[in-house]
Amino acid sequence: MTHPVSRTGEKLAEFGPLMDKRQLAAAVRTLYAVCQTVSCSALSEGEREEASRMLAQSIQTLNADADVQKAFPFPLAYKPGREKELIPILGALLAKLKALPHLDAGKIAC
């Protein structure tokens, strides 16, 4: 594994526990960082496929979350190779999550 891919795997490994702890903003920031890493790195075809598979699973988990659905009623669309397109959408989702009144700061803090 190259350095960017191992960093991507490490970041995505943080995603699940953050979602379990209901730290939604931190989870979204993790996906944001992963998208930046994948879109800015020269990856082999196999590395890109693996990163895309892990990212797609994380996006699916995020889309299934009730609080995320309240903040962002349309599911996040992700297509492998289009990570750059997802970056501003994740930024908008982060802003909306912070605006939800029923989430306290501890649950969305990074």
N, C-alpha and C. Protein backbone atom coordinates (compact mmCIF):
# COMPACT_ATOMS: atom_id res chain seq x y z
N MET A 1 0.84 -1.19 0.00
CA MET A 1 0.00 0.00 0.00
C MET A 1 0.87 1.24 0.00
N THR A 2 0.49 2.19 -0.82
CA THR A 2 1.22 3.44 -0.82
C THR A 2 0.76 4.29 0.36
N HIS A 3 1.52 5.30 0.66
CA HIS A 3 1.20 6.15 1.81
C HIS A 3 -0.20 6.76 1.73
N PRO A 4 -0.62 7.37 0.59
CA PRO A 4 -1.98 7.93 0.56
C PRO A 4 -3.07 6.89 0.78
N VAL A 5 -2.85 5.69 0.27
CA VAL A 5 -3.87 4.65 0.44
C VAL A 5 -3.94 4.20 1.89
N SER A 6 -2.80 4.03 2.54
CA SER A 6 -2.84 3.61 3.94
C SER A 6 -3.46 4.71 4.80
N ARG A 7 -3.18 5.97 4.46
CA ARG A 7 -3.79 7.09 5.20
C ARG A 7 -5.30 7.09 4.98
N THR A 8 -5.73 6.79 3.76
CA THR A 8 -7.16 6.72 3.47
C THR A 8 -7.81 5.61 4.28
N GLY A 9 -7.17 4.45 4.33
CA GLY A 9 -7.70 3.34 5.11
C GLY A 9 -7.79 3.66 6.59
N GLU A 10 -6.76 4.33 7.10
CA GLU A 10 -6.77 4.73 8.52
C GLU A 10 -7.90 5.69 8.81
N LYS A 11 -8.09 6.67 7.92
CA LYS A 11 -9.16 7.66 8.11
C LYS A 11 -10.53 6.98 8.05
N LEU A 12 -10.72 6.10 7.08
CA LEU A 12 -12.01 5.43 6.95
C LEU A 12 -12.26 4.48 8.12
N ALA A 13 -11.21 3.97 8.73
CA ALA A 13 -11.38 3.13 9.93
C ALA A 13 -11.90 3.96 11.10
N GLU A 14 -11.64 5.26 11.09
CA GLU A 14 -12.15 6.15 12.14
C GLU A 14 -13.63 6.46 11.94
N PHE A 15 -14.11 6.36 10.71
CA PHE A 15 -15.47 6.76 10.37
C PHE A 15 -16.53 5.99 11.17
N GLY A 16 -16.45 4.67 11.19
CA GLY A 16 -17.45 3.86 11.88
C GLY A 16 -17.59 4.19 13.36
N PRO A 17 -16.48 4.20 14.10
CA PRO A 17 -16.57 4.57 15.51
C PRO A 17 -17.14 5.98 15.74
N LEU A 18 -16.80 6.91 14.86
CA LEU A 18 -17.36 8.27 15.00
C LEU A 18 -18.87 8.25 14.81
N MET A 19 -19.34 7.49 13.84
CA MET A 19 -20.79 7.37 13.62
C MET A 19 -21.44 6.69 14.83
N ASP A 20 -20.80 5.66 15.36
CA ASP A 20 -21.35 4.97 16.53
C ASP A 20 -21.47 5.89 17.73
N LYS A 21 -20.52 6.80 17.88
CA LYS A 21 -20.54 7.77 18.99
C LYS A 21 -21.43 8.97 18.69
N ARG A 22 -22.03 8.98 17.51
CA ARG A 22 -22.91 10.08 17.06
C ARG A 22 -22.13 11.39 16.88
N GLN A 23 -20.86 11.29 16.57
CA GLN A 23 -20.05 12.46 16.26
C GLN A 23 -20.10 12.67 14.74
N LEU A 24 -21.25 13.16 14.30
CA LEU A 24 -21.53 13.23 12.87
C LEU A 24 -20.61 14.20 12.14
N ALA A 25 -20.34 15.34 12.74
CA ALA A 25 -19.48 16.32 12.07
C ALA A 25 -18.07 15.75 11.88
N ALA A 26 -17.57 15.08 12.89
CA ALA A 26 -16.24 14.48 12.77
C ALA A 26 -16.23 13.39 11.70
N ALA A 27 -17.30 12.63 11.61
CA ALA A 27 -17.40 11.59 10.58
C ALA A 27 -17.41 12.21 9.18
N VAL A 28 -18.15 13.30 9.03
CA VAL A 28 -18.21 13.98 7.73
C VAL A 28 -16.85 14.58 7.39
N ARG A 29 -16.18 15.16 8.38
CA ARG A 29 -14.84 15.71 8.14
C ARG A 29 -13.86 14.61 7.73
N THR A 30 -14.03 13.43 8.27
CA THR A 30 -13.19 12.30 7.89
C THR A 30 -13.39 11.97 6.42
N LEU A 31 -14.64 11.90 5.98
CA LEU A 31 -14.91 11.62 4.57
C LEU A 31 -14.38 12.73 3.68
N TYR A 32 -14.48 13.96 4.14
CA TYR A 32 -13.96 15.11 3.41
C TYR A 32 -12.45 14.93 3.18
N ALA A 33 -11.74 14.57 4.24
CA ALA A 33 -10.28 14.37 4.14
C ALA A 33 -9.95 13.21 3.21
N VAL A 34 -10.73 12.14 3.27
CA VAL A 34 -10.51 10.99 2.40
C VAL A 34 -10.70 11.39 0.94
N CYS A 35 -11.75 12.14 0.66
CA CYS A 35 -11.99 12.58 -0.72
C CYS A 35 -10.84 13.44 -1.23
N GLN A 36 -10.33 14.31 -0.38
CA GLN A 36 -9.18 15.14 -0.78
C GLN A 36 -7.96 14.27 -1.07
N THR A 37 -7.70 13.31 -0.22
CA THR A 37 -6.53 12.44 -0.40
C THR A 37 -6.65 11.63 -1.68
N VAL A 38 -7.82 11.02 -1.90
CA VAL A 38 -8.01 10.18 -3.08
C VAL A 38 -7.96 11.01 -4.35
N SER A 39 -8.56 12.19 -4.34
CA SER A 39 -8.60 13.00 -5.56
C SER A 39 -7.25 13.63 -5.90
N CYS A 40 -6.38 13.79 -4.92
CA CYS A 40 -5.08 14.45 -5.15
C CYS A 40 -3.92 13.47 -5.25
N SER A 41 -4.18 12.19 -5.17
CA SER A 41 -3.10 11.20 -5.16
C SER A 41 -3.10 10.39 -6.45
N ALA A 42 -1.91 10.05 -6.89
CA ALA A 42 -1.77 9.17 -8.05
C ALA A 42 -1.83 7.73 -7.53
N LEU A 43 -2.97 7.10 -7.72
CA LEU A 43 -3.18 5.75 -7.21
C LEU A 43 -3.22 4.76 -8.37
N SER A 44 -2.80 3.54 -8.10
CA SER A 44 -2.95 2.49 -9.11
C SER A 44 -4.44 2.15 -9.23
N GLU A 45 -4.77 1.41 -10.26
CA GLU A 45 -6.17 1.05 -10.47
C GLU A 45 -6.73 0.25 -9.29
N GLY A 46 -5.95 -0.68 -8.78
CA GLY A 46 -6.40 -1.48 -7.64
C GLY A 46 -6.57 -0.65 -6.38
N GLU A 47 -5.63 0.27 -6.15
CA GLU A 47 -5.72 1.13 -4.98
C GLU A 47 -6.95 2.04 -5.07
N ARG A 48 -7.19 2.58 -6.26
CA ARG A 48 -8.35 3.45 -6.45
C ARG A 48 -9.65 2.67 -6.24
N GLU A 49 -9.70 1.44 -6.74
CA GLU A 49 -10.90 0.61 -6.56
C GLU A 49 -11.15 0.34 -5.08
N GLU A 50 -10.10 0.02 -4.35
CA GLU A 50 -10.24 -0.27 -2.91
C GLU A 50 -10.70 0.97 -2.15
N ALA A 51 -10.07 2.11 -2.43
CA ALA A 51 -10.46 3.35 -1.77
C ALA A 51 -11.90 3.71 -2.13
N SER A 52 -12.28 3.54 -3.39
CA SER A 52 -13.65 3.84 -3.82
C SER A 52 -14.66 2.94 -3.14
N ARG A 53 -14.31 1.66 -2.99
CA ARG A 53 -15.22 0.71 -2.33
C ARG A 53 -15.44 1.12 -0.88
N MET A 54 -14.36 1.44 -0.18
CA MET A 54 -14.48 1.84 1.23
C MET A 54 -15.25 3.15 1.36
N LEU A 55 -14.98 4.08 0.47
CA LEU A 55 -15.67 5.37 0.50
C LEU A 55 -17.16 5.19 0.22
N ALA A 56 -17.50 4.34 -0.75
CA ALA A 56 -18.91 4.09 -1.08
C ALA A 56 -19.65 3.49 0.12
N GLN A 57 -19.01 2.58 0.84
CA GLN A 57 -19.64 1.99 2.03
C GLN A 57 -19.88 3.05 3.10
N SER A 58 -18.93 3.94 3.27
CA SER A 58 -19.08 5.00 4.27
C SER A 58 -20.19 5.97 3.89
N ILE A 59 -20.27 6.32 2.62
CA ILE A 59 -21.33 7.21 2.14
C ILE A 59 -22.69 6.55 2.35
N GLN A 60 -22.77 5.26 2.10
CA GLN A 60 -24.02 4.52 2.30
C GLN A 60 -24.45 4.58 3.77
N THR A 61 -23.50 4.42 4.68
CA THR A 61 -23.78 4.52 6.11
C THR A 61 -24.26 5.91 6.47
N LEU A 62 -23.61 6.92 5.93
CA LEU A 62 -23.99 8.31 6.18
C LEU A 62 -25.40 8.58 5.67
N ASN A 63 -25.71 8.10 4.48
CA ASN A 63 -27.04 8.30 3.90
C ASN A 63 -28.15 7.64 4.72
N ALA A 64 -27.82 6.58 5.45
CA ALA A 64 -28.82 5.86 6.23
C ALA A 64 -29.09 6.50 7.59
N ASP A 65 -28.29 7.47 7.99
CA ASP A 65 -28.43 8.09 9.30
C ASP A 65 -29.60 9.06 9.33
N ALA A 66 -30.45 8.95 10.34
CA ALA A 66 -31.66 9.79 10.44
C ALA A 66 -31.32 11.27 10.58
N ASP A 67 -30.32 11.61 11.37
CA ASP A 67 -29.95 13.02 11.53
C ASP A 67 -29.38 13.60 10.25
N VAL A 68 -28.63 12.80 9.53
CA VAL A 68 -28.10 13.26 8.25
C VAL A 68 -29.25 13.48 7.27
N GLN A 69 -30.23 12.59 7.29
CA GLN A 69 -31.39 12.74 6.40
C GLN A 69 -32.18 14.00 6.72
N LYS A 70 -32.26 14.36 8.01
CA LYS A 70 -32.95 15.60 8.39
C LYS A 70 -32.19 16.82 7.88
N ALA A 71 -30.89 16.78 7.99
CA ALA A 71 -30.06 17.91 7.56
C ALA A 71 -29.95 18.00 6.05
N PHE A 72 -29.93 16.87 5.41
CA PHE A 72 -29.67 16.78 3.97
C PHE A 72 -30.65 15.76 3.41
N PRO A 73 -31.86 16.17 3.02
CA PRO A 73 -32.90 15.21 2.66
C PRO A 73 -32.62 14.36 1.42
N PHE A 74 -31.69 14.78 0.60
CA PHE A 74 -31.36 13.99 -0.59
C PHE A 74 -30.10 13.19 -0.31
N PRO A 75 -30.09 11.92 -0.70
CA PRO A 75 -28.91 11.10 -0.42
C PRO A 75 -27.67 11.64 -1.15
N LEU A 76 -26.53 11.49 -0.50
CA LEU A 76 -25.27 11.87 -1.13
C LEU A 76 -25.00 10.89 -2.27
N ALA A 77 -24.69 11.43 -3.42
CA ALA A 77 -24.38 10.59 -4.57
C ALA A 77 -22.87 10.51 -4.72
N TYR A 78 -22.38 9.31 -4.83
CA TYR A 78 -20.94 9.13 -5.02
C TYR A 78 -20.70 8.19 -6.18
N LYS A 79 -19.84 8.63 -7.08
CA LYS A 79 -19.41 7.78 -8.18
C LYS A 79 -17.89 7.69 -8.10
N PRO A 80 -17.36 6.48 -8.16
CA PRO A 80 -15.91 6.32 -8.10
C PRO A 80 -15.20 7.20 -9.14
N GLY A 81 -14.13 7.84 -8.69
CA GLY A 81 -13.38 8.73 -9.57
C GLY A 81 -13.86 10.17 -9.53
N ARG A 82 -14.95 10.42 -8.84
CA ARG A 82 -15.50 11.78 -8.76
C ARG A 82 -15.49 12.31 -7.33
N GLU A 83 -14.42 12.04 -6.65
CA GLU A 83 -14.29 12.46 -5.26
C GLU A 83 -14.28 13.98 -5.13
N LYS A 84 -13.69 14.68 -6.10
CA LYS A 84 -13.64 16.15 -6.03
C LYS A 84 -15.03 16.75 -6.01
N GLU A 85 -15.98 16.13 -6.70
CA GLU A 85 -17.36 16.63 -6.74
C GLU A 85 -18.04 16.47 -5.38
N LEU A 86 -17.60 15.52 -4.60
CA LEU A 86 -18.20 15.24 -3.30
C LEU A 86 -17.71 16.20 -2.21
N ILE A 87 -16.54 16.78 -2.39
CA ILE A 87 -15.94 17.65 -1.36
C ILE A 87 -16.84 18.83 -0.99
N PRO A 88 -17.34 19.64 -1.94
CA PRO A 88 -18.20 20.76 -1.53
C PRO A 88 -19.54 20.30 -0.95
N ILE A 89 -20.02 19.15 -1.38
CA ILE A 89 -21.28 18.63 -0.84
C ILE A 89 -21.09 18.23 0.62
N LEU A 90 -19.97 17.60 0.93
CA LEU A 90 -19.67 17.25 2.32
C LEU A 90 -19.51 18.50 3.17
N GLY A 91 -18.93 19.55 2.60
CA GLY A 91 -18.81 20.82 3.33
C GLY A 91 -20.17 21.41 3.64
N ALA A 92 -21.09 21.36 2.68
CA ALA A 92 -22.45 21.86 2.90
C ALA A 92 -23.18 21.02 3.95
N LEU A 93 -23.00 19.71 3.90
CA LEU A 93 -23.61 18.83 4.89
C LEU A 93 -23.09 19.14 6.29
N LEU A 94 -21.81 19.38 6.40
CA LEU A 94 -21.22 19.72 7.69
C LEU A 94 -21.86 20.98 8.27
N ALA A 95 -22.04 21.99 7.44
CA ALA A 95 -22.67 23.24 7.89
C ALA A 95 -24.11 22.99 8.34
N LYS A 96 -24.83 22.16 7.61
CA LYS A 96 -26.22 21.87 7.97
C LYS A 96 -26.32 21.06 9.26
N LEU A 97 -25.40 20.13 9.46
CA LEU A 97 -25.40 19.35 10.70
C LEU A 97 -25.18 20.25 11.90
N LYS A 98 -24.30 21.21 11.77
CA LYS A 98 -24.03 22.12 12.87
C LYS A 98 -25.23 23.01 13.17
N ALA A 99 -26.12 23.20 12.20
CA ALA A 99 -27.28 24.07 12.39
C ALA A 99 -28.48 23.33 12.99
N LEU A 100 -28.43 22.01 13.08
CA LEU A 100 -29.56 21.27 13.65
C LEU A 100 -29.67 21.56 15.14
N PRO A 101 -30.82 22.05 15.60
CA PRO A 101 -30.95 22.45 17.00
C PRO A 101 -30.94 21.28 17.99
N HIS A 102 -31.35 20.09 17.59
CA HIS A 102 -31.44 18.99 18.55
C HIS A 102 -30.11 18.26 18.76
N LEU A 103 -29.10 18.61 18.01
CA LEU A 103 -27.79 18.00 18.23
C LEU A 103 -26.97 18.93 19.10
N ASP A 104 -26.51 18.41 20.24
CA ASP A 104 -25.70 19.28 21.08
C ASP A 104 -24.27 19.32 20.56
N ALA A 105 -23.52 20.29 21.02
CA ALA A 105 -22.17 20.51 20.50
C ALA A 105 -21.27 19.31 20.72
N GLY A 106 -21.48 18.57 21.78
CA GLY A 106 -20.65 17.41 22.05
C GLY A 106 -20.83 16.31 21.03
N LYS A 107 -22.01 16.22 20.47
CA LYS A 107 -22.26 15.17 19.50
C LYS A 107 -21.73 15.51 18.12
N ILE A 108 -21.57 16.78 17.82
CA ILE A 108 -21.09 17.11 16.49
C ILE A 108 -19.67 17.67 16.50
N ALA A 109 -19.08 17.78 17.66
CA ALA A 109 -17.73 18.34 17.74
C ALA A 109 -16.72 17.38 17.14
N CYS A 110 -15.64 17.94 16.66
CA CYS A 110 -14.58 17.13 16.07
C CYS A 110 -13.47 16.87 17.04
